[in-house]
Amino acid sequence: MNTDRPAASGTAVPPVGAGRDLGPGLGPLVRVDGSWYIGDHESKAYLAVLPEGFEHRVTGREPFLVPWKRLMSLKLGVTSGRFLSTPAGGLLTGHHAPHEAIGTHGSCLSAMVRHPYDLWSPRFVHHRRWYPAPEITLLHQLLGNIVDLGRVERLGDDAWLTSVVEELAADRLLRRWRTGKAVADGVRELIARGA
């Protein structure tokens, strides 16, 4: 169960013992204390979603910012369970995420960037909780389609991202979108209309 997802009453359900202001989330994408992160922001590696772009933060290193305009493609590599999203889990099991191979990289984004052209694969640490497969699918579709539609900078708009994630996380949408094509079309529609 994703405890960071809004409950039926519309209020966030924080994990037991958490003193943080938790908002909506989709798998590894979470809102904590008014900021968006991919991965566990209290760990040694995660991504901050900023108005300017993704900032990869790793303990002991300078943060590395990739501006939205550099992103040419964006994919998500993560599994539901924490162990399978580690480099050891990916190597030992040969397990693949629903959309991307985890391999020896663990949980990561995979992006083609421009100026200069390169493959950027920032790794992040999986939260301790389980990520529901439908949430991983929705996040994968959101990240991939927002780049394909040329609107990637919307990820840096806090109000827009919060609105879209709340709508995507609503159980009624998961029941309405029963096929992969329906999910992809629904996510593209949300991105195109501006939510």
C-alpha atoms as a PDB file:
ATOM      1  CA  MET A   1       0.000   0.000   0.000  1.00  0.00           C
ATOM      2  CA  ASN A   2       1.305   3.442  -0.885  1.00  0.00           C
ATOM      3  CA  THR A   3       0.822   5.405   2.300  1.00  0.00           C
ATOM      4  CA  ASP A   4       1.674   8.725   0.652  1.00  0.00           C
ATOM      5  CA  ARG A   5      -1.342   8.559  -1.633  1.00  0.00           C
ATOM      6  CA  PRO A   6      -4.480  10.546  -0.761  1.00  0.00           C
ATOM      7  CA  ALA A   7      -7.046   8.515   1.122  1.00  0.00           C
ATOM      8  CA  ALA A   8     -10.637   8.268  -0.089  1.00  0.00           C
ATOM      9  CA  SER A   9     -11.492  11.294   2.045  1.00  0.00           C
ATOM     10  CA  GLY A  10      -8.875  13.340   0.167  1.00  0.00           C
ATOM     11  CA  THR A  11      -6.450  13.630   3.085  1.00  0.00           C
ATOM     12  CA  ALA A  12      -2.916  12.325   2.912  1.00  0.00           C
ATOM     13  CA  VAL A  13      -2.164   9.223   4.960  1.00  0.00           C
ATOM     14  CA  PRO A  14       1.374   9.521   6.370  1.00  0.00           C
ATOM     15  CA  PRO A  15       3.442   6.460   7.215  1.00  0.00           C
ATOM     16  CA  VAL A  16       3.326   5.402  10.845  1.00  0.00           C
ATOM     17  CA  GLY A  17       5.579   7.623  12.935  1.00  0.00           C
ATOM     18  CA  ALA A  18       6.203  10.153  10.165  1.00  0.00           C
ATOM     19  CA  GLY A  19       6.276  13.782  11.171  1.00  0.00           C
ATOM     20  CA  ARG A  20       6.553  15.062   7.609  1.00  0.00           C
ATOM     21  CA  ASP A  21       4.021  16.996   5.567  1.00  0.00           C
ATOM     22  CA  LEU A  22       3.303  14.334   2.945  1.00  0.00           C
ATOM     23  CA  GLY A  23       1.309  15.102  -0.151  1.00  0.00           C
ATOM     24  CA  PRO A  24       0.332  13.108  -3.206  1.00  0.00           C
ATOM     25  CA  GLY A  25       2.684  10.714  -4.923  1.00  0.00           C
ATOM     26  CA  LEU A  26       3.130   8.123  -7.659  1.00  0.00           C
ATOM     27  CA  GLY A  27       5.571   5.350  -6.816  1.00  0.00           C
ATOM     28  CA  PRO A  28       8.984   6.963  -6.282  1.00  0.00           C
ATOM     29  CA  LEU A  29       7.680  10.483  -7.094  1.00  0.00           C
ATOM     30  CA  VAL A  30       6.616  12.059  -3.793  1.00  0.00           C
ATOM     31  CA  ARG A  31       5.832  15.480  -2.412  1.00  0.00           C
ATOM     32  CA  VAL A  32       7.350  16.132   0.996  1.00  0.00           C
ATOM     33  CA  ASP A  33       7.106  19.450   2.851  1.00  0.00           C
ATOM     34  CA  GLY A  34       6.135  21.300  -0.335  1.00  0.00           C
ATOM     35  CA  SER A  35       8.883  19.864  -2.558  1.00  0.00           C
ATOM     36  CA  TRP A  36       8.849  17.074  -5.152  1.00  0.00           C
ATOM     37  CA  TYR A  37      11.404  14.253  -5.136  1.00  0.00           C
ATOM     38  CA  ILE A  38      12.042  11.046  -7.037  1.00  0.00           C
ATOM     39  CA  GLY A  39      13.401   8.500  -4.589  1.00  0.00           C
ATOM     40  CA  ASP A  40      13.916   8.673  -0.858  1.00  0.00           C
ATOM     41  CA  HIS A  41      15.039  12.249  -0.157  1.00  0.00           C
ATOM     42  CA  GLU A  42      16.448  11.152   3.221  1.00  0.00           C
ATOM     43  CA  SER A  43      18.835   8.701   1.546  1.00  0.00           C
ATOM     44  CA  LYS A  44      22.189   9.094  -0.171  1.00  0.00           C
ATOM     45  CA  ALA A  45      20.825   9.440  -3.745  1.00  0.00           C
ATOM     46  CA  TYR A  46      17.624  11.032  -5.039  1.00  0.00           C
ATOM     47  CA  LEU A  47      16.358  13.604  -7.533  1.00  0.00           C
ATOM     48  CA  ALA A  48      14.787  16.927  -6.643  1.00  0.00           C
ATOM     49  CA  VAL A  49      12.175  18.220  -9.098  1.00  0.00           C
ATOM     50  CA  LEU A  50      12.900  21.949  -9.312  1.00  0.00           C
ATOM     51  CA  PRO A  51      11.431  24.763 -11.436  1.00  0.00           C
ATOM     52  CA  GLU A  52      14.667  24.715 -13.499  1.00  0.00           C
ATOM     53  CA  GLY A  53      14.983  20.943 -13.983  1.00  0.00           C
ATOM     54  CA  PHE A  54      15.976  17.711 -12.260  1.00  0.00           C
ATOM     55  CA  GLU A  55      18.725  18.053  -9.671  1.00  0.00           C
ATOM     56  CA  HIS A  56      20.526  14.807  -8.878  1.00  0.00           C
ATOM     57  CA  ARG A  57      21.654  14.825  -5.258  1.00  0.00           C
ATOM     58  CA  VAL A  58      24.157  12.287  -3.988  1.00  0.00           C
ATOM     59  CA  THR A  59      25.774  12.420  -0.554  1.00  0.00           C
ATOM     60  CA  GLY A  60      29.378  13.628  -0.805  1.00  0.00           C
ATOM     61  CA  ARG A  61      28.985  15.163  -4.291  1.00  0.00           C
ATOM     62  CA  GLU A  62      27.921  18.508  -5.650  1.00  0.00           C
ATOM     63  CA  PRO A  63      24.280  18.480  -6.848  1.00  0.00           C
ATOM     64  CA  PHE A  64      24.010  18.104 -10.637  1.00  0.00           C
ATOM     65  CA  LEU A  65      21.217  20.029 -12.380  1.00  0.00           C
ATOM     66  CA  VAL A  66      19.846  18.992 -15.773  1.00  0.00           C
ATOM     67  CA  PRO A  67      17.608  21.780 -17.135  1.00  0.00           C
ATOM     68  CA  TRP A  68      14.279  20.785 -18.675  1.00  0.00           C
ATOM     69  CA  LYS A  69      15.309  22.032 -22.134  1.00  0.00           C
ATOM     70  CA  ARG A  70      18.169  19.479 -22.280  1.00  0.00           C
ATOM     71  CA  LEU A  71      15.852  16.450 -21.957  1.00  0.00           C
ATOM     72  CA  MET A  72      15.102  14.652 -25.222  1.00  0.00           C
ATOM     73  CA  SER A  73      13.710  11.430 -23.716  1.00  0.00           C
ATOM     74  CA  LEU A  74      12.916  10.251 -20.222  1.00  0.00           C
ATOM     75  CA  LYS A  75      12.283   6.757 -18.893  1.00  0.00           C
ATOM     76  CA  LEU A  76      11.887   5.280 -15.444  1.00  0.00           C
ATOM     77  CA  GLY A  77      13.719   2.199 -14.183  1.00  0.00           C
ATOM     78  CA  VAL A  78      12.216   0.984 -10.906  1.00  0.00           C
ATOM     79  CA  THR A  79      10.474  -2.054  -9.453  1.00  0.00           C
ATOM     80  CA  SER A  80       7.727  -2.338  -6.866  1.00  0.00           C
ATOM     81  CA  GLY A  81       9.945  -3.892  -4.211  1.00  0.00           C
ATOM     82  CA  ARG A  82      13.011  -2.282  -2.720  1.00  0.00           C
ATOM     83  CA  PHE A  83      15.466  -5.187  -3.056  1.00  0.00           C
ATOM     84  CA  LEU A  84      14.788  -5.732  -6.759  1.00  0.00           C
ATOM     85  CA  SER A  85      15.498  -2.033  -7.350  1.00  0.00           C
ATOM     86  CA  THR A  86      19.010  -2.259  -5.938  1.00  0.00           C
ATOM     87  CA  PRO A  87      22.047  -2.989  -8.095  1.00  0.00           C
ATOM     88  CA  ALA A  88      22.504  -6.340  -6.298  1.00  0.00           C
ATOM     89  CA  GLY A  89      18.845  -7.270  -6.694  1.00  0.00           C
ATOM     90  CA  GLY A  90      18.891  -6.442 -10.387  1.00  0.00           C
ATOM     91  CA  LEU A  91      22.108  -8.353 -10.941  1.00  0.00           C
ATOM     92  CA  LEU A  92      21.187 -11.428  -8.883  1.00  0.00           C
ATOM     93  CA  THR A  93      17.661 -11.855 -10.161  1.00  0.00           C
ATOM     94  CA  GLY A  94      17.967 -10.558 -13.697  1.00  0.00           C
ATOM     95  CA  HIS A  95      14.650  -8.869 -12.891  1.00  0.00           C
ATOM     96  CA  HIS A  96      13.363  -6.159 -15.180  1.00  0.00           C
ATOM     97  CA  ALA A  97      11.103  -3.307 -14.251  1.00  0.00           C
ATOM     98  CA  PRO A  98       7.818  -3.082 -16.139  1.00  0.00           C
ATOM     99  CA  HIS A  99       9.309  -0.595 -18.602  1.00  0.00           C
ATOM    100  CA  GLU A 100      13.071  -0.475 -18.161  1.00  0.00           C
ATOM    101  CA  ALA A 101      15.814  -2.881 -17.237  1.00  0.00           C
ATOM    102  CA  ILE A 102      17.160  -2.197 -13.772  1.00  0.00           C
ATOM    103  CA  GLY A 103      20.293  -4.279 -14.263  1.00  0.00           C
ATOM    104  CA  THR A 104      23.218  -3.249 -12.112  1.00  0.00           C
ATOM    105  CA  HIS A 105      22.165   0.409 -11.931  1.00  0.00           C
ATOM    106  CA  GLY A 106      19.353   0.011  -9.407  1.00  0.00           C
ATOM    107  CA  SER A 107      16.474   2.492  -9.465  1.00  0.00           C
ATOM    108  CA  CYS A 108      17.199   5.233 -11.971  1.00  0.00           C
ATOM    109  CA  LEU A 109      15.956   7.567 -14.627  1.00  0.00           C
ATOM    110  CA  SER A 110      17.277   7.154 -18.121  1.00  0.00           C
ATOM    111  CA  ALA A 111      17.391  10.260 -20.271  1.00  0.00           C
ATOM    112  CA  MET A 112      18.911  11.340 -23.549  1.00  0.00           C
ATOM    113  CA  VAL A 113      20.121  14.911 -23.105  1.00  0.00           C
ATOM    114  CA  ARG A 114      21.345  17.526 -25.576  1.00  0.00           C
ATOM    115  CA  HIS A 115      24.065  20.197 -25.577  1.00  0.00           C
ATOM    116  CA  PRO A 116      26.146  18.068 -25.387  1.00  0.00           C
ATOM    117  CA  TYR A 117      24.352  14.890 -26.424  1.00  0.00           C
ATOM    118  CA  ASP A 118      24.717  12.164 -23.833  1.00  0.00           C
ATOM    119  CA  LEU A 119      22.857   9.459 -21.937  1.00  0.00           C
ATOM    120  CA  TRP A 120      22.105  10.551 -18.369  1.00  0.00           C
ATOM    121  CA  SER A 121      21.144   7.823 -15.870  1.00  0.00           C
ATOM    122  CA  PRO A 122      20.835   9.287 -12.375  1.00  0.00           C
ATOM    123  CA  ARG A 123      20.344   6.606  -9.734  1.00  0.00           C
ATOM    124  CA  PHE A 124      18.031   7.054  -6.753  1.00  0.00           C
ATOM    125  CA  VAL A 125      17.259   5.051  -3.628  1.00  0.00           C
ATOM    126  CA  HIS A 126      13.934   3.219  -3.462  1.00  0.00           C
ATOM    127  CA  HIS A 127      11.719   4.161  -0.512  1.00  0.00           C
ATOM    128  CA  ARG A 128      11.210   1.517   2.171  1.00  0.00           C
ATOM    129  CA  ARG A 129       7.620   1.050   1.064  1.00  0.00           C
ATOM    130  CA  TRP A 130       6.260  -0.978  -1.843  1.00  0.00           C
ATOM    131  CA  TYR A 131       5.423   0.919  -5.066  1.00  0.00           C
ATOM    132  CA  PRO A 132       2.133  -0.307  -6.560  1.00  0.00           C
ATOM    133  CA  ALA A 133       2.608  -1.397 -10.190  1.00  0.00           C
ATOM    134  CA  PRO A 134      -0.208   0.877 -11.475  1.00  0.00           C
ATOM    135  CA  GLU A 135       1.578   3.892  -9.971  1.00  0.00           C
ATOM    136  CA  ILE A 136       4.863   2.918 -11.623  1.00  0.00           C
ATOM    137  CA  THR A 137       3.037   2.593 -14.946  1.00  0.00           C
ATOM    138  CA  LEU A 138       1.379   5.999 -14.550  1.00  0.00           C
ATOM    139  CA  LEU A 139       4.654   7.708 -13.612  1.00  0.00           C
ATOM    140  CA  HIS A 140       6.459   6.046 -16.519  1.00  0.00           C
ATOM    141  CA  GLN A 141       3.758   7.299 -18.894  1.00  0.00           C
ATOM    142  CA  LEU A 142       3.824  10.804 -17.397  1.00  0.00           C
ATOM    143  CA  LEU A 143       7.609  11.163 -17.678  1.00  0.00           C
ATOM    144  CA  GLY A 144       7.868   9.710 -21.176  1.00  0.00           C
ATOM    145  CA  ASN A 145       4.866  11.502 -22.653  1.00  0.00           C
ATOM    146  CA  ILE A 146       5.608  14.922 -21.191  1.00  0.00           C
ATOM    147  CA  VAL A 147       8.953  14.935 -23.011  1.00  0.00           C
ATOM    148  CA  ASP A 148       7.447  13.528 -26.225  1.00  0.00           C
ATOM    149  CA  LEU A 149       4.758  16.245 -26.196  1.00  0.00           C
ATOM    150  CA  GLY A 150       7.361  19.003 -25.710  1.00  0.00           C
ATOM    151  CA  ARG A 151       6.012  20.120 -22.319  1.00  0.00           C
ATOM    152  CA  VAL A 152       8.666  18.778 -19.972  1.00  0.00           C
ATOM    153  CA  GLU A 153       9.059  22.143 -18.214  1.00  0.00           C
ATOM    154  CA  ARG A 154       5.606  21.557 -16.673  1.00  0.00           C
ATOM    155  CA  LEU A 155       7.244  19.105 -14.286  1.00  0.00           C
ATOM    156  CA  GLY A 156       8.821  22.160 -12.627  1.00  0.00           C
ATOM    157  CA  ASP A 157       5.429  23.824 -12.097  1.00  0.00           C
ATOM    158  CA  ASP A 158       4.478  22.791  -8.563  1.00  0.00           C
ATOM    159  CA  ALA A 159       0.757  23.531  -8.889  1.00  0.00           C
ATOM    160  CA  TRP A 160       0.482  21.708 -12.225  1.00  0.00           C
ATOM    161  CA  LEU A 161       2.425  18.652 -11.063  1.00  0.00           C
ATOM    162  CA  THR A 162       0.431  18.436  -7.825  1.00  0.00           C
ATOM    163  CA  SER A 163      -2.843  18.616  -9.757  1.00  0.00           C
ATOM    164  CA  VAL A 164      -1.796  15.971 -12.278  1.00  0.00           C
ATOM    165  CA  VAL A 165      -0.438  13.560  -9.664  1.00  0.00           C
ATOM    166  CA  GLU A 166      -3.603  13.900  -7.568  1.00  0.00           C
ATOM    167  CA  GLU A 167      -5.716  13.136 -10.620  1.00  0.00           C
ATOM    168  CA  LEU A 168      -3.548  10.222 -11.720  1.00  0.00           C
ATOM    169  CA  ALA A 169      -3.457   8.743  -8.206  1.00  0.00           C
ATOM    170  CA  ALA A 170      -7.251   8.776  -7.896  1.00  0.00           C
ATOM    171  CA  ASP A 171      -8.577   5.224  -7.872  1.00  0.00           C
ATOM    172  CA  ARG A 172     -11.389   6.113 -10.250  1.00  0.00           C
ATOM    173  CA  LEU A 173      -8.878   6.744 -13.031  1.00  0.00           C
ATOM    174  CA  LEU A 174      -7.103   3.462 -12.429  1.00  0.00           C
ATOM    175  CA  ARG A 175     -10.424   1.642 -12.776  1.00  0.00           C
ATOM    176  CA  ARG A 176     -11.395   3.633 -15.878  1.00  0.00           C
ATOM    177  CA  TRP A 177      -8.120   3.004 -17.693  1.00  0.00           C
ATOM    178  CA  ARG A 178      -8.076  -0.769 -18.069  1.00  0.00           C
ATOM    179  CA  THR A 179      -5.524  -1.180 -20.880  1.00  0.00           C
ATOM    180  CA  GLY A 180      -2.010   0.103 -21.431  1.00  0.00           C
ATOM    181  CA  LYS A 181      -3.169   2.113 -24.438  1.00  0.00           C
ATOM    182  CA  ALA A 182      -5.972   3.684 -22.385  1.00  0.00           C
ATOM    183  CA  VAL A 183      -3.470   4.680 -19.678  1.00  0.00           C
ATOM    184  CA  ALA A 184      -1.093   6.212 -22.245  1.00  0.00           C
ATOM    185  CA  ASP A 185      -3.940   8.083 -23.970  1.00  0.00           C
ATOM    186  CA  GLY A 186      -5.319   9.321 -20.632  1.00  0.00           C
ATOM    187  CA  VAL A 187      -1.955  10.614 -19.477  1.00  0.00           C
ATOM    188  CA  ARG A 188      -1.340  12.346 -22.829  1.00  0.00           C
ATOM    189  CA  GLU A 189      -4.758  13.996 -22.532  1.00  0.00           C
ATOM    190  CA  LEU A 190      -3.909  15.322 -19.036  1.00  0.00           C
ATOM    191  CA  ILE A 191      -0.592  16.720 -20.272  1.00  0.00           C
ATOM    192  CA  ALA A 192      -2.127  18.300 -23.380  1.00  0.00           C
ATOM    193  CA  ARG A 193      -4.987  20.009 -21.581  1.00  0.00           C
ATOM    194  CA  GLY A 194      -2.728  21.377 -18.870  1.00  0.00           C
ATOM    195  CA  ALA A 195      -4.660  19.645 -16.052  1.00  0.00           C
END
